[in-house]
């Protein structure tokens, strides 16, 4: 038997329940994993609330790290005792647990220098930051990026990575405490949400030009203002919709605001190729192991405190990464 957080209906955080569940022997292509820590992501609230529909009842969470304790038929990429981490989507749903079955194809071997807690805090966020910094941000130094939610788990990694690339980061945050944290992780200038006109501040910081790229994980509340912060032919990257989805968008707006570019990338499309996934993982784990990028775990919750964890996520109380300890 194992402990797991499950939902039997969609709704608010209160639908999360801690249950005793049976964990079967791994089938072909599966492993049984004992978690050392589990990652908490804002996207988890979408599964819980029904924004991302899944068959019910369902487990929760898509990211964790731990030891392989049993392997199924045909599994050759990992062995019993291996330290691994994983992230995914529907294929890895059920991470809020102390033991579980997981597809071997989702697993990434974990360097000895990285703990289970650090891995749970950084695998999805680190891979996201890796594809953003390797494939989307300008590779030449001297560019300027506007980074929303700069004190969040992804934001802190992107800020440090961008600094390594010689990119200036302007970060938006909701509190002065978060501003201090963001600046300590490579953000050059911080802007408080609601303090004054964000567009005017960005233009002032860039000599009236605007930024080359906006990385926006907030969505509806910041979308139009983010477009107005871009330089001519700048790139708007929609990474998430924490404030709600963007409805009724007219592409002509991109031409009117300076022949802008717009993309809505998803991690799944950057890790679908095993070779590309391995390259992203090797680079981000290499940066962390060498100390070039620090992973900030702002919140640790016990498995039985998942309801409180989701309330904190949705109220934007969290800073850095959040994890469940098991």
C-alpha atoms as a PDB file:
ATOM      1  CA  UNK A   1       0.000   0.000   0.000  1.00  0.00           C
ATOM      2  CA  UNK A   2       1.050   3.577  -0.652  1.00  0.00           C
ATOM      3  CA  UNK A   3      -0.281   7.014   0.211  1.00  0.00           C
ATOM      4  CA  UNK A   4      -1.551   9.170  -2.643  1.00  0.00           C
ATOM      5  CA  UNK A   5      -3.514  12.356  -3.195  1.00  0.00           C
ATOM      6  CA  UNK A   6      -6.501  11.724  -5.466  1.00  0.00           C
ATOM      7  CA  UNK A   7      -9.566  13.539  -6.754  1.00  0.00           C
ATOM      8  CA  UNK A   8     -13.021  12.042  -7.338  1.00  0.00           C
ATOM      9  CA  UNK A   9     -14.520  15.259  -8.693  1.00  0.00           C
ATOM     10  CA  UNK A  10     -13.143  18.526 -10.009  1.00  0.00           C
ATOM     11  CA  UNK A  11     -13.294  21.721  -8.007  1.00  0.00           C
ATOM     12  CA  UNK A  12     -11.346  23.771  -5.489  1.00  0.00           C
ATOM     13  CA  UNK A  13      -8.436  22.586  -3.341  1.00  0.00           C
ATOM     14  CA  UNK A  14     -10.861  20.865  -0.969  1.00  0.00           C
ATOM     15  CA  UNK A  15     -11.449  18.036  -3.509  1.00  0.00           C
ATOM     16  CA  UNK A  16      -7.905  16.748  -2.890  1.00  0.00           C
ATOM     17  CA  UNK A  17      -8.022  13.686  -0.629  1.00  0.00           C
ATOM     18  CA  UNK A  18      -5.240  11.597   0.909  1.00  0.00           C
ATOM     19  CA  UNK A  19      -5.890   7.882   0.372  1.00  0.00           C
ATOM     20  CA  UNK A  20      -4.268   4.489   0.783  1.00  0.00           C
ATOM     21  CA  UNK A  21      -3.815   2.892  -2.633  1.00  0.00           C
ATOM     22  CA  UNK A  22      -2.477  -0.388  -3.983  1.00  0.00           C
ATOM     23  CA  UNK A  23       0.569  -0.182  -6.250  1.00  0.00           C
ATOM     24  CA  UNK A  24       0.697  -3.082  -8.710  1.00  0.00           C
ATOM     25  CA  UNK A  25       3.809  -4.757 -10.007  1.00  0.00           C
ATOM     26  CA  UNK A  26       5.196  -2.810 -12.955  1.00  0.00           C
ATOM     27  CA  UNK A  27       3.984  -3.903 -16.372  1.00  0.00           C
ATOM     28  CA  UNK A  28       5.984  -3.846 -19.592  1.00  0.00           C
ATOM     29  CA  UNK A  29       7.813  -0.551 -19.967  1.00  0.00           C
ATOM     30  CA  UNK A  30       7.018   0.540 -16.407  1.00  0.00           C
ATOM     31  CA  UNK A  31       8.975   0.966 -13.193  1.00  0.00           C
ATOM     32  CA  UNK A  32       7.907   1.165  -9.578  1.00  0.00           C
ATOM     33  CA  UNK A  33       9.335   4.284  -8.010  1.00  0.00           C
ATOM     34  CA  UNK A  34       9.705   5.295  -4.359  1.00  0.00           C
ATOM     35  CA  UNK A  35       9.584   9.073  -4.240  1.00  0.00           C
ATOM     36  CA  UNK A  36      12.060  11.175  -2.323  1.00  0.00           C
ATOM     37  CA  UNK A  37      10.191  14.380  -3.186  1.00  0.00           C
ATOM     38  CA  UNK A  38       7.381  15.488  -5.493  1.00  0.00           C
ATOM     39  CA  UNK A  39       7.114  18.679  -7.513  1.00  0.00           C
ATOM     40  CA  UNK A  40       4.230  21.148  -7.187  1.00  0.00           C
ATOM     41  CA  UNK A  41       3.361  23.127 -10.308  1.00  0.00           C
ATOM     42  CA  UNK A  42       0.688  25.704 -11.018  1.00  0.00           C
ATOM     43  CA  UNK A  43      -0.518  23.484 -13.853  1.00  0.00           C
ATOM     44  CA  UNK A  44      -1.543  20.927 -11.190  1.00  0.00           C
ATOM     45  CA  UNK A  45      -4.426  23.255 -10.280  1.00  0.00           C
ATOM     46  CA  UNK A  46      -5.708  22.959 -13.865  1.00  0.00           C
ATOM     47  CA  UNK A  47      -6.048  19.175 -13.532  1.00  0.00           C
ATOM     48  CA  UNK A  48      -7.776  19.584 -10.177  1.00  0.00           C
ATOM     49  CA  UNK A  49     -10.217  22.253 -11.382  1.00  0.00           C
ATOM     50  CA  UNK A  50     -11.068  20.576 -14.683  1.00  0.00           C
ATOM     51  CA  UNK A  51      -9.344  23.066 -16.995  1.00  0.00           C
ATOM     52  CA  UNK A  52      -7.302  20.057 -18.108  1.00  0.00           C
ATOM     53  CA  UNK A  53      -9.942  17.275 -18.164  1.00  0.00           C
ATOM     54  CA  UNK A  54      -8.909  13.782 -17.064  1.00  0.00           C
ATOM     55  CA  UNK A  55     -10.904  10.609 -16.327  1.00  0.00           C
ATOM     56  CA  UNK A  56     -12.014  10.438 -12.687  1.00  0.00           C
ATOM     57  CA  UNK A  57     -11.029   9.361 -10.137  1.00  0.00           C
ATOM     58  CA  UNK A  58      -7.498  10.507 -10.798  1.00  0.00           C
ATOM     59  CA  UNK A  59      -4.143  10.982  -9.161  1.00  0.00           C
ATOM     60  CA  UNK A  60      -2.510  14.398  -9.039  1.00  0.00           C
ATOM     61  CA  UNK A  61       0.859  15.853  -9.998  1.00  0.00           C
ATOM     62  CA  UNK A  62       3.175  15.116 -12.915  1.00  0.00           C
ATOM     63  CA  UNK A  63       6.686  15.479 -11.478  1.00  0.00           C
ATOM     64  CA  UNK A  64       8.810  13.709  -8.895  1.00  0.00           C
ATOM     65  CA  UNK A  65      12.175  12.198  -8.030  1.00  0.00           C
ATOM     66  CA  UNK A  66      13.230   9.056  -6.218  1.00  0.00           C
ATOM     67  CA  UNK A  67      14.656   5.521  -6.356  1.00  0.00           C
ATOM     68  CA  UNK A  68      13.685   2.786  -8.790  1.00  0.00           C
ATOM     69  CA  UNK A  69      12.592  -0.174  -6.672  1.00  0.00           C
ATOM     70  CA  UNK A  70      11.273  -2.545  -9.366  1.00  0.00           C
ATOM     71  CA  UNK A  71      11.337  -2.687 -13.172  1.00  0.00           C
ATOM     72  CA  UNK A  72       8.901  -4.233 -15.613  1.00  0.00           C
ATOM     73  CA  UNK A  73       9.492  -6.367 -18.680  1.00  0.00           C
ATOM     74  CA  UNK A  74      11.563  -4.750 -21.402  1.00  0.00           C
ATOM     75  CA  UNK A  75      12.925  -1.908 -19.296  1.00  0.00           C
ATOM     76  CA  UNK A  76      16.608  -1.468 -20.082  1.00  0.00           C
ATOM     77  CA  UNK A  77      17.192   2.256 -19.559  1.00  0.00           C
ATOM     78  CA  UNK A  78      17.164   2.102 -15.736  1.00  0.00           C
ATOM     79  CA  UNK A  79      17.858  -0.484 -13.056  1.00  0.00           C
ATOM     80  CA  UNK A  80      16.718  -1.114  -9.495  1.00  0.00           C
ATOM     81  CA  UNK A  81      18.429   1.380  -7.217  1.00  0.00           C
ATOM     82  CA  UNK A  82      18.870   4.110  -9.827  1.00  0.00           C
ATOM     83  CA  UNK A  83      18.222   7.695  -8.758  1.00  0.00           C
ATOM     84  CA  UNK A  84      15.838   9.274 -11.254  1.00  0.00           C
ATOM     85  CA  UNK A  85      13.578  12.234 -11.848  1.00  0.00           C
ATOM     86  CA  UNK A  86      10.697  12.748 -14.261  1.00  0.00           C
ATOM     87  CA  UNK A  87       8.119  15.176 -15.548  1.00  0.00           C
ATOM     88  CA  UNK A  88       5.392  14.970 -18.148  1.00  0.00           C
ATOM     89  CA  UNK A  89       1.674  15.482 -18.601  1.00  0.00           C
ATOM     90  CA  UNK A  90      -1.126  12.909 -18.691  1.00  0.00           C
ATOM     91  CA  UNK A  91       1.422  10.090 -19.003  1.00  0.00           C
ATOM     92  CA  UNK A  92       2.943  10.905 -15.588  1.00  0.00           C
ATOM     93  CA  UNK A  93      -0.166  12.045 -13.700  1.00  0.00           C
ATOM     94  CA  UNK A  94      -0.185  10.617 -10.167  1.00  0.00           C
ATOM     95  CA  UNK A  95       3.014  12.035  -8.690  1.00  0.00           C
ATOM     96  CA  UNK A  96       1.420  13.132  -5.388  1.00  0.00           C
ATOM     97  CA  UNK A  97       2.288   9.812  -3.727  1.00  0.00           C
ATOM     98  CA  UNK A  98       5.075   8.091  -1.844  1.00  0.00           C
ATOM     99  CA  UNK A  99       5.218   5.141  -4.306  1.00  0.00           C
ATOM    100  CA  UNK A 100       3.839   4.723  -7.813  1.00  0.00           C
ATOM    101  CA  UNK A 101       4.221   3.189 -11.260  1.00  0.00           C
ATOM    102  CA  UNK A 102       5.656   5.436 -13.954  1.00  0.00           C
ATOM    103  CA  UNK A 103       6.641   4.868 -17.614  1.00  0.00           C
ATOM    104  CA  UNK A 104      10.359   4.178 -17.867  1.00  0.00           C
ATOM    105  CA  UNK A 105      10.448   6.413 -20.947  1.00  0.00           C
ATOM    106  CA  UNK A 106       9.687   9.445 -18.755  1.00  0.00           C
ATOM    107  CA  UNK A 107      12.661   8.926 -16.447  1.00  0.00           C
ATOM    108  CA  UNK A 108      15.864  10.945 -16.407  1.00  0.00           C
ATOM    109  CA  UNK A 109      18.898   9.686 -14.514  1.00  0.00           C
ATOM    110  CA  UNK A 110      19.748  12.054 -11.693  1.00  0.00           C
ATOM    111  CA  UNK A 111      23.335  13.227 -11.127  1.00  0.00           C
ATOM    112  CA  UNK A 112      24.669  12.403  -7.645  1.00  0.00           C
ATOM    113  CA  UNK A 113      25.264  16.117  -6.998  1.00  0.00           C
ATOM    114  CA  UNK A 114      21.521  16.882  -7.151  1.00  0.00           C
ATOM    115  CA  UNK A 115      19.213  15.871  -4.300  1.00  0.00           C
ATOM    116  CA  UNK A 116      15.698  14.504  -4.739  1.00  0.00           C
ATOM    117  CA  UNK A 117      14.238  17.731  -3.349  1.00  0.00           C
ATOM    118  CA  UNK A 118      16.209  19.859  -5.795  1.00  0.00           C
ATOM    119  CA  UNK A 119      15.242  17.562  -8.665  1.00  0.00           C
ATOM    120  CA  UNK A 120      11.541  17.706  -7.770  1.00  0.00           C
ATOM    121  CA  UNK A 121      11.789  21.485  -7.599  1.00  0.00           C
ATOM    122  CA  UNK A 122      13.528  21.904 -10.939  1.00  0.00           C
ATOM    123  CA  UNK A 123      12.826  19.158 -13.481  1.00  0.00           C
ATOM    124  CA  UNK A 124       9.781  20.684 -15.190  1.00  0.00           C
ATOM    125  CA  UNK A 125      10.872  24.237 -14.431  1.00  0.00           C
ATOM    126  CA  UNK A 126      14.458  23.564 -15.482  1.00  0.00           C
ATOM    127  CA  UNK A 127      13.505  21.887 -18.748  1.00  0.00           C
ATOM    128  CA  UNK A 128      11.124  24.759 -19.473  1.00  0.00           C
ATOM    129  CA  UNK A 129      13.860  27.295 -18.772  1.00  0.00           C
ATOM    130  CA  UNK A 130      16.248  25.251 -20.907  1.00  0.00           C
ATOM    131  CA  UNK A 131      14.124  25.288 -24.047  1.00  0.00           C
ATOM    132  CA  UNK A 132      13.294  28.963 -23.536  1.00  0.00           C
ATOM    133  CA  UNK A 133      16.933  29.928 -23.146  1.00  0.00           C
ATOM    134  CA  UNK A 134      18.345  27.551 -25.785  1.00  0.00           C
ATOM    135  CA  UNK A 135      15.672  27.795 -28.478  1.00  0.00           C
ATOM    136  CA  UNK A 136      13.687  31.013 -27.990  1.00  0.00           C
ATOM    137  CA  UNK A 137      15.754  33.776 -26.412  1.00  0.00           C
ATOM    138  CA  UNK A 138      18.286  35.633 -28.583  1.00  0.00           C
ATOM    139  CA  UNK A 139      21.661  33.910 -28.439  1.00  0.00           C
ATOM    140  CA  UNK A 140      23.608  37.149 -28.769  1.00  0.00           C
ATOM    141  CA  UNK A 141      24.240  39.217 -25.664  1.00  0.00           C
ATOM    142  CA  UNK A 142      22.874  42.724 -25.338  1.00  0.00           C
ATOM    143  CA  UNK A 143      19.184  41.860 -25.667  1.00  0.00           C
ATOM    144  CA  UNK A 144      16.561  42.802 -23.082  1.00  0.00           C
ATOM    145  CA  UNK A 145      13.755  40.543 -21.872  1.00  0.00           C
ATOM    146  CA  UNK A 146      10.646  41.288 -19.824  1.00  0.00           C
ATOM    147  CA  UNK A 147      10.023  38.331 -17.505  1.00  0.00           C
ATOM    148  CA  UNK A 148       6.683  38.092 -15.717  1.00  0.00           C
ATOM    149  CA  UNK A 149       6.480  36.199 -12.400  1.00  0.00           C
ATOM    150  CA  UNK A 150      10.222  36.652 -12.078  1.00  0.00           C
ATOM    151  CA  UNK A 151      10.290  35.281  -8.506  1.00  0.00           C
ATOM    152  CA  UNK A 152       8.552  32.027  -9.449  1.00  0.00           C
ATOM    153  CA  UNK A 153      10.264  28.705  -9.984  1.00  0.00           C
ATOM    154  CA  UNK A 154      10.672  29.078 -13.749  1.00  0.00           C
ATOM    155  CA  UNK A 155      11.375  32.795 -13.480  1.00  0.00           C
ATOM    156  CA  UNK A 156      14.338  32.428 -11.135  1.00  0.00           C
ATOM    157  CA  UNK A 157      15.968  29.807 -13.362  1.00  0.00           C
ATOM    158  CA  UNK A 158      15.382  31.795 -16.557  1.00  0.00           C
ATOM    159  CA  UNK A 159      16.758  34.957 -14.941  1.00  0.00           C
ATOM    160  CA  UNK A 160      20.009  33.254 -13.960  1.00  0.00           C
ATOM    161  CA  UNK A 161      20.367  31.535 -17.336  1.00  0.00           C
ATOM    162  CA  UNK A 162      19.658  34.748 -19.237  1.00  0.00           C
ATOM    163  CA  UNK A 163      22.362  36.510 -17.246  1.00  0.00           C
ATOM    164  CA  UNK A 164      24.811  33.794 -18.307  1.00  0.00           C
ATOM    165  CA  UNK A 165      23.859  34.628 -21.903  1.00  0.00           C
ATOM    166  CA  UNK A 166      24.471  38.344 -21.402  1.00  0.00           C
ATOM    167  CA  UNK A 167      20.759  39.243 -21.560  1.00  0.00           C
ATOM    168  CA  UNK A 168      19.315  42.035 -19.403  1.00  0.00           C
ATOM    169  CA  UNK A 169      16.174  40.947 -17.537  1.00  0.00           C
ATOM    170  CA  UNK A 170      13.371  43.232 -16.395  1.00  0.00           C
ATOM    171  CA  UNK A 171      11.214  41.222 -13.999  1.00  0.00           C
ATOM    172  CA  UNK A 172       7.689  41.806 -12.745  1.00  0.00           C
ATOM    173  CA  UNK A 173       6.771  40.667  -9.228  1.00  0.00           C
ATOM    174  CA  UNK A 174       3.852  41.136  -6.844  1.00  0.00           C
ATOM    175  CA  UNK A 175       5.713  42.184  -3.674  1.00  0.00           C
ATOM    176  CA  UNK A 176       8.911  43.910  -2.636  1.00  0.00           C
ATOM    177  CA  UNK A 177      10.022  40.681  -0.936  1.00  0.00           C
ATOM    178  CA  UNK A 178       9.764  38.911  -4.305  1.00  0.00           C
ATOM    179  CA  UNK A 179      11.625  41.789  -5.954  1.00  0.00           C
ATOM    180  CA  UNK A 180      14.576  41.274  -3.604  1.00  0.00           C
ATOM    181  CA  UNK A 181      14.597  37.546  -4.392  1.00  0.00           C
ATOM    182  CA  UNK A 182      14.425  38.161  -8.143  1.00  0.00           C
ATOM    183  CA  UNK A 183      17.317  40.639  -8.094  1.00  0.00           C
ATOM    184  CA  UNK A 184      19.385  38.151  -6.095  1.00  0.00           C
ATOM    185  CA  UNK A 185      18.918  35.660  -8.951  1.00  0.00           C
ATOM    186  CA  UNK A 186      19.983  37.829 -11.870  1.00  0.00           C
ATOM    187  CA  UNK A 187      17.089  40.202 -12.562  1.00  0.00           C
ATOM    188  CA  UNK A 188      18.495  43.667 -13.304  1.00  0.00           C
ATOM    189  CA  UNK A 189      15.328  45.755 -12.861  1.00  0.00           C
ATOM    190  CA  UNK A 190      12.091  44.863 -11.056  1.00  0.00           C
ATOM    191  CA  UNK A 191       8.590  46.266 -11.509  1.00  0.00           C
ATOM    192  CA  UNK A 192       5.818  45.741  -8.961  1.00  0.00           C
ATOM    193  CA  UNK A 193       2.437  44.753 -10.354  1.00  0.00           C
ATOM    194  CA  UNK A 194      -0.006  47.624  -9.901  1.00  0.00           C
ATOM    195  CA  UNK A 195       2.613  50.096  -8.675  1.00  0.00           C
ATOM    196  CA  UNK A 196       2.335  52.298 -11.783  1.00  0.00           C
ATOM    197  CA  UNK A 197       2.181  51.993 -15.545  1.00  0.00           C
ATOM    198  CA  UNK A 198       4.252  48.919 -16.461  1.00  0.00           C
ATOM    199  CA  UNK A 199       4.564  49.925 -20.115  1.00  0.00           C
ATOM    200  CA  UNK A 200       5.909  53.361 -19.228  1.00  0.00           C
ATOM    201  CA  UNK A 201       8.445  51.844 -16.838  1.00  0.00           C
ATOM    202  CA  UNK A 202       9.652  49.341 -19.432  1.00  0.00           C
ATOM    203  CA  UNK A 203       9.988  52.040 -22.072  1.00  0.00           C
ATOM    204  CA  UNK A 204      11.912  54.232 -19.618  1.00  0.00           C
ATOM    205  CA  UNK A 205      14.301  51.387 -18.798  1.00  0.00           C
ATOM    206  CA  UNK A 206      14.936  50.685 -22.496  1.00  0.00           C
ATOM    207  CA  UNK A 207      15.362  54.272 -23.722  1.00  0.00           C
ATOM    208  CA  UNK A 208      11.899  54.229 -25.283  1.00  0.00           C
ATOM    209  CA  UNK A 209      12.617  51.209 -27.484  1.00  0.00           C
ATOM    210  CA  UNK A 210      10.890  48.391 -25.621  1.00  0.00           C
ATOM    211  CA  UNK A 211      12.153  44.853 -24.978  1.00  0.00           C
ATOM    212  CA  UNK A 212      13.157  42.211 -27.502  1.00  0.00           C
ATOM    213  CA  UNK A 213      11.174  39.413 -25.845  1.00  0.00           C
ATOM    214  CA  UNK A 214       8.369  39.125 -23.282  1.00  0.00           C
ATOM    215  CA  UNK A 215       8.084  35.860 -21.315  1.00  0.00           C
ATOM    216  CA  UNK A 216       4.527  35.877 -19.956  1.00  0.00           C
ATOM    217  CA  UNK A 217       3.176  33.097 -17.732  1.00  0.00           C
ATOM    218  CA  UNK A 218       0.320  35.220 -16.355  1.00  0.00           C
ATOM    219  CA  UNK A 219      -1.922  35.408 -19.411  1.00  0.00           C
ATOM    220  CA  UNK A 220      -5.124  37.415 -19.640  1.00  0.00           C
ATOM    221  CA  UNK A 221      -4.243  40.155 -17.138  1.00  0.00           C
ATOM    222  CA  UNK A 222      -0.925  41.072 -18.750  1.00  0.00           C
ATOM    223  CA  UNK A 223      -1.292  40.097 -22.416  1.00  0.00           C
ATOM    224  CA  UNK A 224      -2.091  43.427 -24.079  1.00  0.00           C
ATOM    225  CA  UNK A 225       0.270  45.440 -21.879  1.00  0.00           C
ATOM    226  CA  UNK A 226       3.010  42.912 -22.637  1.00  0.00           C
ATOM    227  CA  UNK A 227       2.552  43.480 -26.363  1.00  0.00           C
ATOM    228  CA  UNK A 228       2.901  47.223 -25.744  1.00  0.00           C
ATOM    229  CA  UNK A 229       6.241  46.608 -23.978  1.00  0.00           C
ATOM    230  CA  UNK A 230       7.803  45.050 -27.076  1.00  0.00           C
ATOM    231  CA  UNK A 231      10.148  46.739 -29.497  1.00  0.00           C
ATOM    232  CA  UNK A 232       9.243  46.676 -33.177  1.00  0.00           C
ATOM    233  CA  UNK A 233       9.299  43.064 -34.454  1.00  0.00           C
ATOM    234  CA  UNK A 234       9.648  41.804 -30.884  1.00  0.00           C
ATOM    235  CA  UNK A 235       8.589  38.361 -29.694  1.00  0.00           C
ATOM    236  CA  UNK A 236       5.741  37.621 -27.281  1.00  0.00           C
ATOM    237  CA  UNK A 237       6.098  34.202 -25.606  1.00  0.00           C
ATOM    238  CA  UNK A 238       2.956  32.977 -23.824  1.00  0.00           C
ATOM    239  CA  UNK A 239       4.220  30.447 -21.278  1.00  0.00           C
ATOM    240  CA  UNK A 240       1.088  30.122 -19.146  1.00  0.00           C
ATOM    241  CA  UNK A 241      -2.304  31.489 -18.175  1.00  0.00           C
ATOM    242  CA  UNK A 242      -2.269  31.881 -14.396  1.00  0.00           C
ATOM    243  CA  UNK A 243      -4.772  34.771 -14.586  1.00  0.00           C
ATOM    244  CA  UNK A 244      -6.958  33.122 -17.223  1.00  0.00           C
ATOM    245  CA  UNK A 245      -6.894  32.256 -20.900  1.00  0.00           C
ATOM    246  CA  UNK A 246      -6.609  34.881 -23.630  1.00  0.00           C
ATOM    247  CA  UNK A 247      -9.889  34.988 -25.543  1.00  0.00           C
ATOM    248  CA  UNK A 248     -10.803  36.442 -28.920  1.00  0.00           C
ATOM    249  CA  UNK A 249      -7.340  37.433 -30.086  1.00  0.00           C
ATOM    250  CA  UNK A 250      -7.145  39.279 -33.419  1.00  0.00           C
ATOM    251  CA  UNK A 251      -3.814  38.665 -35.224  1.00  0.00           C
ATOM    252  CA  UNK A 252      -4.051  42.114 -36.817  1.00  0.00           C
ATOM    253  CA  UNK A 253      -3.112  43.472 -33.399  1.00  0.00           C
ATOM    254  CA  UNK A 254       0.408  42.146 -33.941  1.00  0.00           C
ATOM    255  CA  UNK A 255       0.805  44.265 -37.073  1.00  0.00           C
ATOM    256  CA  UNK A 256      -0.685  47.340 -35.439  1.00  0.00           C
ATOM    257  CA  UNK A 257       1.760  47.133 -32.525  1.00  0.00           C
ATOM    258  CA  UNK A 258       4.937  46.771 -34.576  1.00  0.00           C
ATOM    259  CA  UNK A 259       4.898  43.579 -36.682  1.00  0.00           C
ATOM    260  CA  UNK A 260       5.255  41.484 -33.546  1.00  0.00           C
ATOM    261  CA  UNK A 261       5.756  37.732 -33.297  1.00  0.00           C
ATOM    262  CA  UNK A 262       3.678  35.518 -30.993  1.00  0.00           C
ATOM    263  CA  UNK A 263       4.240  31.941 -29.824  1.00  0.00           C
ATOM    264  CA  UNK A 264       2.631  29.605 -27.294  1.00  0.00           C
ATOM    265  CA  UNK A 265       5.205  26.829 -26.706  1.00  0.00           C
ATOM    266  CA  UNK A 266       4.613  23.686 -24.661  1.00  0.00           C
ATOM    267  CA  UNK A 267       7.283  21.653 -22.902  1.00  0.00           C
ATOM    268  CA  UNK A 268       5.919  18.411 -24.375  1.00  0.00           C
ATOM    269  CA  UNK A 269       7.014  19.467 -27.855  1.00  0.00           C
ATOM    270  CA  UNK A 270      10.576  20.154 -26.698  1.00  0.00           C
ATOM    271  CA  UNK A 271      11.054  16.840 -24.876  1.00  0.00           C
ATOM    272  CA  UNK A 272       9.213  14.531 -27.304  1.00  0.00           C
ATOM    273  CA  UNK A 273      12.505  13.671 -29.010  1.00  0.00           C
ATOM    274  CA  UNK A 274      14.579  11.656 -26.496  1.00  0.00           C
ATOM    275  CA  UNK A 275      17.825  13.137 -27.792  1.00  0.00           C
ATOM    276  CA  UNK A 276      16.580  16.700 -27.410  1.00  0.00           C
ATOM    277  CA  UNK A 277      15.198  15.919 -23.964  1.00  0.00           C
ATOM    278  CA  UNK A 278      18.546  14.464 -22.895  1.00  0.00           C
ATOM    279  CA  UNK A 279      20.410  17.507 -24.185  1.00  0.00           C
ATOM    280  CA  UNK A 280      18.127  19.904 -22.289  1.00  0.00           C
ATOM    281  CA  UNK A 281      18.407  17.836 -19.102  1.00  0.00           C
ATOM    282  CA  UNK A 282      22.183  17.551 -19.344  1.00  0.00           C
ATOM    283  CA  UNK A 283      22.569  21.294 -19.744  1.00  0.00           C
ATOM    284  CA  UNK A 284      20.268  22.380 -16.931  1.00  0.00           C
ATOM    285  CA  UNK A 285      21.563  19.718 -14.501  1.00  0.00           C
ATOM    286  CA  UNK A 286      25.099  20.706 -15.465  1.00  0.00           C
ATOM    287  CA  UNK A 287      24.445  24.358 -14.625  1.00  0.00           C
ATOM    288  CA  UNK A 288      22.904  23.423 -11.270  1.00  0.00           C
ATOM    289  CA  UNK A 289      25.578  20.881 -10.324  1.00  0.00           C
ATOM    290  CA  UNK A 290      28.301  23.437 -11.125  1.00  0.00           C
ATOM    291  CA  UNK A 291      26.591  26.158  -9.086  1.00  0.00           C
ATOM    292  CA  UNK A 292      25.970  28.463 -12.047  1.00  0.00           C
ATOM    293  CA  UNK A 293      22.220  28.235 -11.444  1.00  0.00           C
ATOM    294  CA  UNK A 294      20.705  27.963  -7.960  1.00  0.00           C
ATOM    295  CA  UNK A 295      17.343  26.305  -7.321  1.00  0.00           C
ATOM    296  CA  UNK A 296      15.269  28.184  -4.765  1.00  0.00           C
ATOM    297  CA  UNK A 297      12.844  25.958  -2.831  1.00  0.00           C
ATOM    298  CA  UNK A 298      10.541  28.493  -1.242  1.00  0.00           C
ATOM    299  CA  UNK A 299       7.908  26.122   0.141  1.00  0.00           C
ATOM    300  CA  UNK A 300       7.921  22.546   1.422  1.00  0.00           C
ATOM    301  CA  UNK A 301       4.641  20.801   2.232  1.00  0.00           C
ATOM    302  CA  UNK A 302       3.875  17.339   3.543  1.00  0.00           C
ATOM    303  CA  UNK A 303       1.785  15.083   1.319  1.00  0.00           C
ATOM    304  CA  UNK A 304      -1.163  15.510   3.674  1.00  0.00           C
ATOM    305  CA  UNK A 305      -0.933  19.298   3.269  1.00  0.00           C
ATOM    306  CA  UNK A 306      -1.730  19.282  -0.455  1.00  0.00           C
ATOM    307  CA  UNK A 307      -4.917  21.304   0.057  1.00  0.00           C
ATOM    308  CA  UNK A 308      -2.983  24.137   1.687  1.00  0.00           C
ATOM    309  CA  UNK A 309      -0.311  23.896  -0.986  1.00  0.00           C
ATOM    310  CA  UNK A 310      -2.867  24.432  -3.758  1.00  0.00           C
ATOM    311  CA  UNK A 311      -4.428  27.355  -1.919  1.00  0.00           C
ATOM    312  CA  UNK A 312      -1.014  28.961  -1.613  1.00  0.00           C
ATOM    313  CA  UNK A 313      -0.270  28.388  -5.300  1.00  0.00           C
ATOM    314  CA  UNK A 314      -3.513  29.992  -6.418  1.00  0.00           C
ATOM    315  CA  UNK A 315      -3.202  32.955  -4.069  1.00  0.00           C
ATOM    316  CA  UNK A 316       0.296  33.717  -5.419  1.00  0.00           C
ATOM    317  CA  UNK A 317       1.783  33.449  -1.937  1.00  0.00           C
ATOM    318  CA  UNK A 318       4.629  31.233  -3.131  1.00  0.00           C
ATOM    319  CA  UNK A 319       8.162  32.215  -4.132  1.00  0.00           C
ATOM    320  CA  UNK A 320      10.594  30.053  -6.055  1.00  0.00           C
ATOM    321  CA  UNK A 321       9.699  26.369  -6.365  1.00  0.00           C
ATOM    322  CA  UNK A 322       7.300  24.376  -4.207  1.00  0.00           C
ATOM    323  CA  UNK A 323       7.592  20.671  -3.375  1.00  0.00           C
ATOM    324  CA  UNK A 324       5.880  17.920  -1.425  1.00  0.00           C
ATOM    325  CA  UNK A 325       8.052  15.955   0.968  1.00  0.00           C
ATOM    326  CA  UNK A 326       7.210  12.270   1.288  1.00  0.00           C
END
